[in-house]
Amino acid sequence: MNQKVLLTSKEINIILHRLACQLIETHLDFSNTVLIGLQPRGIFLAERLTKILREDYKVKNIKLGFLDITFYRDDFRRGEKTLQANTTEIDFLVEDKNVVFIDDVLYTGRSIRAALTAIQSFGRPSNIELLTLIDRRFSRHLPIQPNYRGRQVDAINEEKVKVMWKENDGKDIVYLVNK
C-alpha cells in the first residue's frame, strides 16, 4: 500500500479557518443556521469548525447536531458486512432553518442523498448546503456538489482518500492511498 500526503496538519488548520470565514460570510450571526455533522467522520470536522467559529471568530449562537444516515443509505443490507448505526444528536428543529451538512470527504454523493432523506425527520429546512474537507470530483454517482470545499482531489482508479483527525486518530493529516 502506497500513500501520499495530501494535507498536513498546518494545511488542514488553514483550510478550516478559510471554511469558517466562508460560513460567516454567508450566514453572518448563525441565528437561522444549523450545522449538521454527518456520522461517523463528518462529526470531527463539524466539531472543529464549531470550535473555531466560537473561539476564534466569537460567533455565539451556533447550533450543532450529528446525523446518522446508516438506515437511509441505498447500500444498507447489500454487502456482506452488517453496517453499524451511530447516534443522531439533534436537539433542535430544522424547520425553516438554513442547514449546513458537514462531511469529511464527498465521494459518490450517496451519503449526502441519504442525509437529505434523513434530515426530513427533524423538519423542513428552508435551505441545505454542503461543506466538505475533500471533494473527489471525478467519483460522483449523483449530481451533488459542495457549496464549501476545502480541497478538490482527483483520485482515480483504486485510490482512496484517508482523513485522520487528532481527536480520533491521534493526528491531523490527509492521505491519498493507492491500494
Protein backbone atom coordinates (compact mmCIF):
# COMPACT_ATOMS: atom_id res chain seq x y z
CA MET A 1 0.00 0.00 0.00
CA ASN A 2 1.38 3.34 -1.09
CA GLN A 3 0.24 6.64 0.46
CA LYS A 4 0.94 10.27 -0.37
CA VAL A 5 0.29 13.18 2.00
CA LEU A 6 -2.39 15.48 0.55
CA LEU A 7 -2.74 17.82 3.55
CA THR A 8 -0.55 18.33 6.59
CA SER A 9 -1.86 19.44 9.98
CA LYS A 10 -0.89 23.05 9.22
CA GLU A 11 -2.65 22.99 5.84
CA ILE A 12 -5.79 21.47 7.42
CA ASN A 13 -5.82 24.25 10.01
CA ILE A 14 -5.54 26.93 7.31
CA ILE A 15 -8.38 25.32 5.34
CA LEU A 16 -10.59 25.08 8.45
CA HIS A 17 -10.17 28.80 9.10
CA ARG A 18 -10.96 29.60 5.46
CA LEU A 19 -14.09 27.43 5.60
CA ALA A 20 -15.14 29.11 8.86
CA CYS A 21 -14.75 32.54 7.25
CA GLN A 22 -16.80 31.44 4.23
CA LEU A 23 -19.57 30.26 6.57
CA ILE A 24 -19.51 33.62 8.39
CA GLU A 25 -19.69 35.50 5.07
CA THR A 26 -22.81 33.56 4.10
CA HIS A 27 -24.58 33.15 7.45
CA LEU A 28 -23.34 36.16 9.48
CA ASP A 29 -24.65 35.58 13.04
CA PHE A 30 -25.95 31.99 12.52
CA SER A 31 -29.32 32.91 14.08
CA ASN A 32 -31.16 30.97 11.35
CA THR A 33 -28.43 28.43 10.53
CA VAL A 34 -27.65 24.99 11.97
CA LEU A 35 -24.57 22.85 11.39
CA ILE A 36 -25.08 19.11 10.98
CA GLY A 37 -22.05 16.78 11.06
CA LEU A 38 -22.67 13.51 9.24
CA GLN A 39 -21.82 10.39 11.22
CA PRO A 40 -19.34 8.91 11.57
CA ARG A 41 -16.42 11.01 10.23
CA GLY A 42 -18.09 14.34 9.49
CA ILE A 43 -18.55 14.99 13.20
CA PHE A 44 -14.84 15.66 13.74
CA LEU A 45 -14.85 18.35 11.04
CA ALA A 46 -18.14 19.81 12.36
CA GLU A 47 -16.86 19.98 15.94
CA ARG A 48 -13.59 21.57 14.84
CA LEU A 49 -15.33 24.19 12.71
CA THR A 50 -17.77 24.99 15.52
CA LYS A 51 -14.88 25.46 17.94
CA ILE A 52 -13.10 27.81 15.51
CA LEU A 53 -16.29 29.81 14.92
CA ARG A 54 -16.96 30.17 18.66
CA GLU A 55 -13.43 30.74 19.96
CA ASP A 56 -11.59 32.49 17.13
CA TYR A 57 -14.45 34.40 15.48
CA LYS A 58 -16.71 34.87 18.55
CA VAL A 59 -19.88 33.53 16.88
CA LYS A 60 -22.23 32.93 19.80
CA ASN A 61 -25.40 31.12 18.79
CA ILE A 62 -24.24 28.13 16.76
CA LYS A 63 -26.46 25.06 16.83
CA LEU A 64 -24.53 21.85 16.12
CA GLY A 65 -26.01 18.41 15.62
CA PHE A 66 -24.90 15.00 14.39
CA LEU A 67 -26.91 12.94 11.91
CA ASP A 68 -26.69 9.18 11.45
CA ILE A 69 -27.59 8.14 7.90
CA THR A 70 -26.99 4.39 8.22
CA PHE A 71 -30.57 3.27 7.68
CA TYR A 72 -31.16 5.76 4.87
CA ARG A 73 -28.27 4.53 2.73
CA ASP A 74 -29.10 2.81 -0.56
CA ASP A 75 -26.45 0.15 0.14
CA PHE A 76 -27.93 -0.80 3.51
CA ARG A 77 -28.20 -4.63 3.62
CA ARG A 78 -26.44 -5.02 0.28
CA GLY A 79 -22.98 -6.04 1.39
CA GLU A 80 -21.53 -8.91 3.35
CA LYS A 81 -20.74 -6.66 6.30
CA THR A 82 -23.52 -5.51 8.60
CA LEU A 83 -23.49 -1.72 8.94
CA GLN A 84 -23.19 -0.32 12.45
CA ALA A 85 -25.50 2.55 13.32
CA ASN A 86 -24.21 5.67 15.04
CA THR A 87 -26.16 8.10 17.19
CA THR A 88 -28.14 11.05 15.92
CA GLU A 89 -27.85 14.04 18.23
CA ILE A 90 -30.11 16.85 17.04
CA ASP A 91 -31.87 18.64 19.88
CA PHE A 92 -33.44 21.36 17.74
CA LEU A 93 -35.87 21.60 14.84
CA VAL A 94 -34.58 22.36 11.38
CA GLU A 95 -37.93 23.74 10.22
CA ASP A 96 -37.31 26.86 8.09
CA LYS A 97 -33.59 26.86 9.02
CA ASN A 98 -30.52 27.00 6.81
CA VAL A 99 -28.89 23.61 7.25
CA VAL A 100 -25.20 23.07 6.51
CA PHE A 101 -24.28 19.39 6.14
CA ILE A 102 -20.64 18.77 7.07
CA ASP A 103 -18.69 15.71 5.96
CA ASP A 104 -15.01 14.94 5.57
CA VAL A 105 -14.99 13.50 2.02
CA LEU A 106 -17.50 13.91 -0.80
CA TYR A 107 -17.11 10.82 -2.94
CA THR A 108 -20.10 9.34 -4.80
CA GLY A 109 -22.71 11.65 -3.28
CA ARG A 110 -24.74 8.74 -1.89
CA SER A 111 -24.15 9.70 1.76
CA ILE A 112 -25.46 13.19 1.06
CA ARG A 113 -28.51 11.75 -0.69
CA ALA A 114 -29.17 9.67 2.43
CA ALA A 115 -28.69 12.75 4.64
CA LEU A 116 -31.23 14.69 2.57
CA THR A 117 -33.80 12.00 3.34
CA ALA A 118 -32.82 11.58 6.99
CA ILE A 119 -33.00 15.29 7.87
CA GLN A 120 -36.69 15.40 6.97
CA SER A 121 -37.45 13.68 10.30
CA PHE A 122 -36.43 16.93 12.03
CA GLY A 123 -38.46 19.36 9.94
CA ARG A 124 -38.32 21.00 6.55
CA PRO A 125 -35.26 23.23 6.11
CA SER A 126 -35.55 26.39 4.05
CA ASN A 127 -32.14 25.72 2.51
CA ILE A 128 -29.50 22.95 2.62
CA GLU A 129 -25.81 23.47 1.86
CA LEU A 130 -22.85 21.10 1.87
CA LEU A 131 -19.41 21.70 3.35
CA THR A 132 -16.71 19.10 2.79
CA LEU A 133 -13.00 19.00 3.53
CA ILE A 134 -12.17 16.89 0.45
CA ASP A 135 -14.11 16.87 -2.82
CA ARG A 136 -13.31 13.84 -5.00
CA ARG A 137 -14.76 15.39 -8.12
CA PHE A 138 -14.41 12.54 -10.64
CA SER A 139 -16.13 9.91 -8.49
CA ARG A 140 -19.69 11.22 -8.34
CA HIS A 141 -22.64 8.89 -8.91
CA LEU A 142 -25.21 11.61 -8.18
CA PRO A 143 -25.37 15.28 -9.22
CA ILE A 144 -24.30 16.63 -5.83
CA GLN A 145 -21.70 19.38 -5.40
CA PRO A 146 -20.36 21.10 -2.27
CA ASN A 147 -21.10 24.75 -1.52
CA TYR A 148 -17.88 24.91 0.53
CA ARG A 149 -14.86 22.72 -0.18
CA GLY A 150 -11.51 22.56 1.50
CA ARG A 151 -9.61 20.88 -1.31
CA GLN A 152 -10.52 19.27 -4.60
CA VAL A 153 -8.79 15.95 -5.27
CA ASP A 154 -8.63 13.99 -8.48
CA ALA A 155 -8.38 10.45 -7.11
CA ILE A 156 -8.65 7.78 -9.78
CA ASN A 157 -8.96 4.01 -10.08
CA GLU A 158 -8.37 2.31 -6.72
CA GLU A 159 -7.07 5.43 -4.95
CA LYS A 160 -8.72 6.31 -1.67
CA VAL A 161 -8.67 9.49 0.40
CA LYS A 162 -7.98 8.86 4.10
CA VAL A 163 -8.70 11.73 6.52
CA MET A 164 -7.26 11.40 10.01
CA TRP A 165 -8.32 13.65 12.92
CA LYS A 166 -6.31 14.05 16.10
CA GLU A 167 -9.50 13.56 18.15
CA ASN A 168 -9.95 10.07 16.71
CA ASP A 169 -6.68 9.05 15.06
CA GLY A 170 -4.06 10.91 17.09
CA LYS A 171 -3.03 13.36 14.35
CA ASP A 172 -4.44 15.63 11.64
CA ILE A 173 -3.38 14.51 8.17
CA VAL A 174 -4.98 13.59 4.84
CA TYR A 175 -3.52 10.84 2.66
CA LEU A 176 -4.13 9.66 -0.87
CA VAL A 177 -3.81 5.90 -0.57
CA ASN A 178 -3.09 3.67 -3.56
CA LYS A 179 -4.05 0.07 -2.85
